């Protein structure tokens, strides 16, 4: 199915359309893009390692073909889903905290000063 496809060339292909901009500085957007690509790679490696561990538990051996053919059952799929959600939450913790802080702005210094004065 995928024979003849140059995956390295495909990985370097430019997406159509304009790149999304999330930050004021383009360097920050590029850094975010790199970090998220690495996060995706680590996630894929963790899933593959989980496959290897499950095959070792079941069969006592591992062959590349077994890894490629492995399909997790429903319980393994749920377990992996929970692990991925926890992983993403850890990776995105800083951004999530920033967004939460923006949603509930802190009171101004003047407001805090008045509240302390009126105690």
N, C-alpha and C. Protein backbone atom coordinates (compact mmCIF):
# COMPACT_ATOMS: atom_id res chain seq x y z
N UNK A 1 0.82 -1.19 0.00
CA UNK A 1 0.00 0.00 0.00
C UNK A 1 0.86 1.26 0.00
N UNK A 2 1.90 1.29 0.85
CA UNK A 2 2.71 2.49 0.95
C UNK A 2 4.07 2.34 0.29
N UNK A 3 4.26 1.27 -0.46
CA UNK A 3 5.54 1.08 -1.13
C UNK A 3 5.72 2.16 -2.19
N UNK A 4 6.93 2.64 -2.32
CA UNK A 4 7.22 3.67 -3.29
C UNK A 4 7.02 5.08 -2.75
N UNK A 5 6.53 5.21 -1.53
CA UNK A 5 6.34 6.54 -0.93
C UNK A 5 7.62 6.93 -0.21
N UNK A 6 8.12 8.10 -0.50
CA UNK A 6 9.31 8.62 0.19
C UNK A 6 8.82 9.34 1.45
N UNK A 7 8.84 8.63 2.57
CA UNK A 7 8.29 9.17 3.82
C UNK A 7 9.10 10.34 4.34
N UNK A 8 10.39 10.34 4.11
CA UNK A 8 11.22 11.47 4.55
C UNK A 8 10.85 12.72 3.76
N UNK A 9 10.66 12.55 2.47
CA UNK A 9 10.24 13.67 1.63
C UNK A 9 8.85 14.15 2.06
N UNK A 10 7.93 13.24 2.33
CA UNK A 10 6.56 13.61 2.74
C UNK A 10 6.58 14.34 4.09
N UNK A 11 7.46 13.92 5.00
CA UNK A 11 7.53 14.56 6.31
C UNK A 11 7.98 16.01 6.19
N UNK A 12 8.78 16.31 5.19
CA UNK A 12 9.27 17.68 5.00
C UNK A 12 8.40 18.53 4.11
N UNK A 13 7.31 17.97 3.61
CA UNK A 13 6.44 18.73 2.70
C UNK A 13 5.75 19.86 3.45
N UNK A 14 5.57 20.97 2.76
CA UNK A 14 4.89 22.12 3.36
C UNK A 14 3.38 21.91 3.29
N UNK A 15 2.72 22.31 4.36
CA UNK A 15 1.26 22.25 4.38
C UNK A 15 0.72 23.36 3.48
N UNK A 16 -0.45 23.12 2.91
CA UNK A 16 -1.07 24.15 2.08
C UNK A 16 -1.69 25.20 2.97
N UNK A 17 -1.68 26.42 2.51
CA UNK A 17 -2.26 27.51 3.29
C UNK A 17 -1.25 28.14 4.22
N UNK A 18 -1.73 29.14 4.92
CA UNK A 18 -0.87 29.89 5.84
C UNK A 18 -0.75 29.16 7.17
N UNK A 19 0.45 29.19 7.73
CA UNK A 19 0.68 28.56 9.04
C UNK A 19 -0.06 29.36 10.10
N UNK A 20 -0.65 28.68 11.07
CA UNK A 20 -1.32 29.41 12.14
C UNK A 20 -0.30 30.14 13.02
N UNK A 21 -0.68 31.31 13.49
CA UNK A 21 0.19 32.08 14.38
C UNK A 21 -0.51 32.20 15.73
N UNK A 22 0.16 31.75 16.76
CA UNK A 22 -0.40 31.79 18.11
C UNK A 22 0.26 32.86 18.97
N UNK A 23 1.50 33.20 18.65
CA UNK A 23 2.27 34.14 19.45
C UNK A 23 2.66 35.34 18.59
N UNK A 24 3.13 36.38 19.24
CA UNK A 24 3.55 37.58 18.51
C UNK A 24 4.84 37.35 17.75
N UNK A 25 5.72 36.53 18.30
CA UNK A 25 7.01 36.29 17.67
C UNK A 25 6.98 34.97 16.90
N UNK A 26 7.35 34.97 15.62
CA UNK A 26 7.34 33.74 14.82
C UNK A 26 8.24 32.65 15.40
N UNK A 27 9.31 33.06 16.10
CA UNK A 27 10.20 32.06 16.70
C UNK A 27 9.46 31.22 17.73
N UNK A 28 8.56 31.85 18.46
CA UNK A 28 7.79 31.12 19.47
C UNK A 28 6.86 30.10 18.81
N UNK A 29 6.26 30.48 17.68
CA UNK A 29 5.40 29.54 16.95
C UNK A 29 6.21 28.36 16.43
N UNK A 30 7.41 28.63 15.93
CA UNK A 30 8.26 27.55 15.44
C UNK A 30 8.68 26.63 16.59
N UNK A 31 9.01 27.22 17.71
CA UNK A 31 9.40 26.42 18.88
C UNK A 31 8.24 25.55 19.32
N UNK A 32 7.04 26.11 19.38
CA UNK A 32 5.86 25.33 19.75
C UNK A 32 5.66 24.19 18.76
N UNK A 33 5.82 24.45 17.48
CA UNK A 33 5.66 23.43 16.46
C UNK A 33 6.66 22.29 16.66
N UNK A 34 7.89 22.63 16.97
CA UNK A 34 8.92 21.62 17.20
C UNK A 34 8.59 20.80 18.44
N UNK A 35 8.22 21.48 19.52
CA UNK A 35 7.90 20.79 20.77
C UNK A 35 6.73 19.84 20.56
N UNK A 36 5.69 20.30 19.88
CA UNK A 36 4.52 19.44 19.66
C UNK A 36 4.86 18.25 18.77
N UNK A 37 5.75 18.45 17.80
CA UNK A 37 6.19 17.31 16.97
C UNK A 37 6.93 16.29 17.83
N UNK A 38 7.77 16.77 18.75
CA UNK A 38 8.49 15.87 19.65
C UNK A 38 7.52 15.16 20.60
N UNK A 39 6.51 15.87 21.07
CA UNK A 39 5.50 15.27 21.94
C UNK A 39 4.80 14.13 21.20
N UNK A 40 4.46 14.36 19.93
CA UNK A 40 3.81 13.32 19.14
C UNK A 40 4.71 12.11 18.96
N UNK A 41 6.00 12.35 18.73
CA UNK A 41 6.94 11.24 18.56
C UNK A 41 7.09 10.44 19.86
N UNK A 42 7.20 11.14 20.98
CA UNK A 42 7.32 10.44 22.27
C UNK A 42 6.06 9.64 22.54
N UNK A 43 4.91 10.19 22.22
CA UNK A 43 3.65 9.48 22.42
C UNK A 43 3.62 8.21 21.58
N UNK A 44 4.06 8.30 20.34
CA UNK A 44 4.09 7.12 19.47
C UNK A 44 5.08 6.08 20.01
N UNK A 45 6.21 6.54 20.51
CA UNK A 45 7.19 5.60 21.09
C UNK A 45 6.65 4.92 22.34
N UNK A 46 5.92 5.67 23.15
CA UNK A 46 5.33 5.08 24.36
C UNK A 46 4.30 4.01 23.98
N UNK A 47 3.52 4.29 22.94
CA UNK A 47 2.53 3.32 22.50
C UNK A 47 3.22 2.07 21.95
N UNK A 48 4.27 2.26 21.20
CA UNK A 48 5.00 1.11 20.65
C UNK A 48 5.65 0.30 21.78
N UNK A 49 6.20 0.98 22.77
CA UNK A 49 6.79 0.28 23.91
C UNK A 49 5.71 -0.51 24.67
N UNK A 50 4.54 0.08 24.80
CA UNK A 50 3.43 -0.63 25.45
C UNK A 50 3.11 -1.91 24.67
N UNK A 51 3.12 -1.81 23.36
CA UNK A 51 2.88 -2.98 22.52
C UNK A 51 3.93 -4.05 22.78
N UNK A 52 5.20 -3.65 22.82
CA UNK A 52 6.29 -4.61 23.07
C UNK A 52 6.11 -5.27 24.43
N UNK A 53 5.80 -4.47 25.45
CA UNK A 53 5.62 -5.03 26.79
C UNK A 53 4.45 -6.01 26.84
N UNK A 54 3.34 -5.67 26.19
CA UNK A 54 2.19 -6.57 26.18
C UNK A 54 2.49 -7.87 25.43
N UNK A 55 3.22 -7.77 24.33
CA UNK A 55 3.58 -8.97 23.58
C UNK A 55 4.54 -9.84 24.40
N UNK A 56 5.47 -9.22 25.10
CA UNK A 56 6.37 -9.99 25.95
C UNK A 56 5.60 -10.69 27.06
N UNK A 57 4.64 -9.99 27.67
CA UNK A 57 3.82 -10.61 28.72
C UNK A 57 3.04 -11.81 28.18
N UNK A 58 2.52 -11.66 26.98
CA UNK A 58 1.67 -12.72 26.40
C UNK A 58 2.48 -13.86 25.81
N UNK A 59 3.51 -13.52 25.02
CA UNK A 59 4.23 -14.53 24.25
C UNK A 59 5.61 -14.87 24.79
N UNK A 60 6.18 -13.97 25.57
CA UNK A 60 7.55 -14.19 26.06
C UNK A 60 8.61 -13.80 25.05
N UNK A 61 8.21 -13.49 23.83
CA UNK A 61 9.14 -13.06 22.79
C UNK A 61 8.48 -11.94 21.99
N UNK A 62 9.30 -11.27 21.19
CA UNK A 62 8.78 -10.20 20.34
C UNK A 62 9.44 -10.28 18.98
N UNK A 63 8.62 -10.21 17.95
CA UNK A 63 9.12 -10.11 16.58
C UNK A 63 8.54 -8.84 15.98
N UNK A 64 9.28 -8.24 15.07
CA UNK A 64 8.84 -7.00 14.45
C UNK A 64 7.45 -7.15 13.83
N UNK A 65 7.21 -8.25 13.19
CA UNK A 65 5.90 -8.48 12.58
C UNK A 65 4.78 -8.49 13.60
N UNK A 66 5.06 -9.05 14.78
CA UNK A 66 4.06 -9.05 15.85
C UNK A 66 3.74 -7.63 16.31
N UNK A 67 4.77 -6.82 16.39
CA UNK A 67 4.57 -5.42 16.80
C UNK A 67 3.71 -4.70 15.77
N UNK A 68 4.05 -4.87 14.51
CA UNK A 68 3.31 -4.19 13.44
C UNK A 68 1.87 -4.66 13.35
N UNK A 69 1.63 -5.93 13.66
CA UNK A 69 0.28 -6.49 13.52
C UNK A 69 -0.57 -6.32 14.79
N UNK A 70 0.03 -5.88 15.88
CA UNK A 70 -0.68 -5.82 17.16
C UNK A 70 -1.84 -4.83 17.11
N UNK A 71 -2.98 -5.29 17.61
CA UNK A 71 -4.16 -4.43 17.76
C UNK A 71 -4.61 -4.56 19.21
N UNK A 72 -4.58 -3.45 19.96
CA UNK A 72 -4.95 -3.55 21.38
C UNK A 72 -6.42 -3.89 21.54
N UNK A 73 -6.74 -4.65 22.60
CA UNK A 73 -8.14 -4.92 22.90
C UNK A 73 -8.74 -3.68 23.55
N UNK A 74 -10.03 -3.72 23.87
CA UNK A 74 -10.72 -2.56 24.40
C UNK A 74 -10.09 -2.07 25.71
N UNK A 75 -9.73 -3.00 26.60
CA UNK A 75 -9.14 -2.61 27.88
C UNK A 75 -7.80 -1.93 27.67
N UNK A 76 -6.97 -2.48 26.79
CA UNK A 76 -5.66 -1.88 26.51
C UNK A 76 -5.85 -0.51 25.86
N UNK A 77 -6.83 -0.40 24.98
CA UNK A 77 -7.11 0.88 24.33
C UNK A 77 -7.52 1.94 25.33
N UNK A 78 -8.38 1.56 26.28
CA UNK A 78 -8.79 2.51 27.32
C UNK A 78 -7.59 2.92 28.18
N UNK A 79 -6.78 1.94 28.56
CA UNK A 79 -5.60 2.23 29.38
C UNK A 79 -4.65 3.17 28.66
N UNK A 80 -4.44 2.92 27.39
CA UNK A 80 -3.58 3.81 26.60
C UNK A 80 -4.19 5.20 26.50
N UNK A 81 -5.49 5.27 26.33
CA UNK A 81 -6.16 6.57 26.25
C UNK A 81 -5.96 7.39 27.51
N UNK A 82 -6.08 6.74 28.66
CA UNK A 82 -5.87 7.43 29.94
C UNK A 82 -4.42 7.91 30.04
N UNK A 83 -3.48 7.06 29.66
CA UNK A 83 -2.07 7.43 29.73
C UNK A 83 -1.74 8.60 28.81
N UNK A 84 -2.32 8.60 27.61
CA UNK A 84 -2.08 9.69 26.66
C UNK A 84 -2.67 11.00 27.20
N UNK A 85 -3.89 10.93 27.75
CA UNK A 85 -4.51 12.13 28.30
C UNK A 85 -3.66 12.71 29.44
N UNK A 86 -3.16 11.84 30.31
CA UNK A 86 -2.31 12.30 31.42
C UNK A 86 -1.01 12.90 30.89
N UNK A 87 -0.43 12.29 29.88
CA UNK A 87 0.81 12.78 29.27
C UNK A 87 0.60 14.16 28.66
N UNK A 88 -0.45 14.31 27.87
CA UNK A 88 -0.75 15.59 27.24
C UNK A 88 -1.03 16.66 28.30
N UNK A 89 -1.75 16.29 29.35
CA UNK A 89 -2.03 17.25 30.44
C UNK A 89 -0.73 17.74 31.07
N UNK A 90 0.23 16.82 31.27
CA UNK A 90 1.52 17.23 31.85
C UNK A 90 2.28 18.14 30.90
N UNK A 91 2.30 17.80 29.64
CA UNK A 91 3.04 18.59 28.65
C UNK A 91 2.42 19.99 28.52
N UNK A 92 1.11 20.06 28.53
CA UNK A 92 0.42 21.32 28.30
C UNK A 92 0.11 22.08 29.59
N UNK A 93 0.59 21.59 30.73
CA UNK A 93 0.25 22.19 32.01
C UNK A 93 0.54 23.69 32.05
N UNK A 94 1.68 24.11 31.58
CA UNK A 94 2.04 25.53 31.61
C UNK A 94 1.07 26.38 30.81
N UNK A 95 0.76 25.93 29.59
CA UNK A 95 -0.19 26.69 28.76
C UNK A 95 -1.59 26.68 29.37
N UNK A 96 -1.98 25.55 29.92
CA UNK A 96 -3.30 25.45 30.55
C UNK A 96 -3.40 26.41 31.73
N UNK A 97 -2.35 26.47 32.53
CA UNK A 97 -2.36 27.39 33.67
C UNK A 97 -2.42 28.83 33.21
N UNK A 98 -1.72 29.16 32.14
CA UNK A 98 -1.77 30.52 31.59
C UNK A 98 -3.18 30.86 31.11
N UNK A 99 -3.82 29.93 30.43
CA UNK A 99 -5.18 30.17 29.94
C UNK A 99 -6.15 30.34 31.10
N UNK A 100 -6.00 29.51 32.14
CA UNK A 100 -6.86 29.64 33.31
C UNK A 100 -6.65 30.99 33.99
N UNK A 101 -5.41 31.43 34.06
CA UNK A 101 -5.11 32.72 34.67
C UNK A 101 -5.73 33.86 33.86
N UNK A 102 -5.72 33.74 32.54
CA UNK A 102 -6.32 34.77 31.70
C UNK A 102 -7.84 34.79 31.86
N UNK A 103 -8.44 33.63 32.11
CA UNK A 103 -9.89 33.54 32.25
C UNK A 103 -10.37 34.15 33.57
N UNK A 104 -9.53 34.08 34.59
CA UNK A 104 -9.88 34.66 35.90
C UNK A 104 -8.77 35.64 36.27
N UNK A 105 -8.89 36.88 35.81
CA UNK A 105 -7.82 37.84 36.05
C UNK A 105 -7.65 38.14 37.53
N UNK A 106 -6.42 38.38 37.90
CA UNK A 106 -6.11 38.71 39.29
C UNK A 106 -6.54 40.15 39.57
N UNK A 107 -6.92 40.43 40.80
CA UNK A 107 -7.32 41.80 41.12
C UNK A 107 -6.13 42.75 41.03
N UNK A 108 -6.41 44.00 40.77
CA UNK A 108 -5.34 44.99 40.66
C UNK A 108 -4.73 45.24 42.04
N UNK A 109 -3.55 45.84 42.03
CA UNK A 109 -2.87 46.17 43.27
C UNK A 109 -3.73 47.13 44.09
N UNK A 110 -4.38 48.07 43.41
CA UNK A 110 -5.23 49.03 44.11
C UNK A 110 -6.39 48.34 44.81
N UNK A 111 -7.00 47.37 44.13
CA UNK A 111 -8.13 46.64 44.72
C UNK A 111 -7.68 45.83 45.93
N UNK A 112 -6.57 45.17 45.84
CA UNK A 112 -6.05 44.40 46.97
C UNK A 112 -5.73 45.33 48.12
N UNK A 113 -5.13 46.47 47.81
CA UNK A 113 -4.79 47.45 48.85
C UNK A 113 -6.04 47.94 49.58
N UNK A 114 -7.10 48.25 48.83
CA UNK A 114 -8.37 48.67 49.45
C UNK A 114 -8.95 47.57 50.33
N UNK A 115 -8.91 46.34 49.85
CA UNK A 115 -9.47 45.22 50.62
C UNK A 115 -8.69 45.02 51.92
N UNK A 116 -7.37 45.13 51.85
CA UNK A 116 -6.56 44.99 53.05
C UNK A 116 -6.79 46.14 54.03
N UNK A 117 -6.94 47.33 53.49
CA UNK A 117 -7.19 48.50 54.32
C UNK A 117 -8.52 48.40 55.07
N UNK A 118 -9.52 47.84 54.39
CA UNK A 118 -10.87 47.76 54.96
C UNK A 118 -11.06 46.58 55.90
N UNK A 119 -10.04 45.77 56.11
CA UNK A 119 -10.19 44.61 57.02
C UNK A 119 -10.40 45.00 58.44
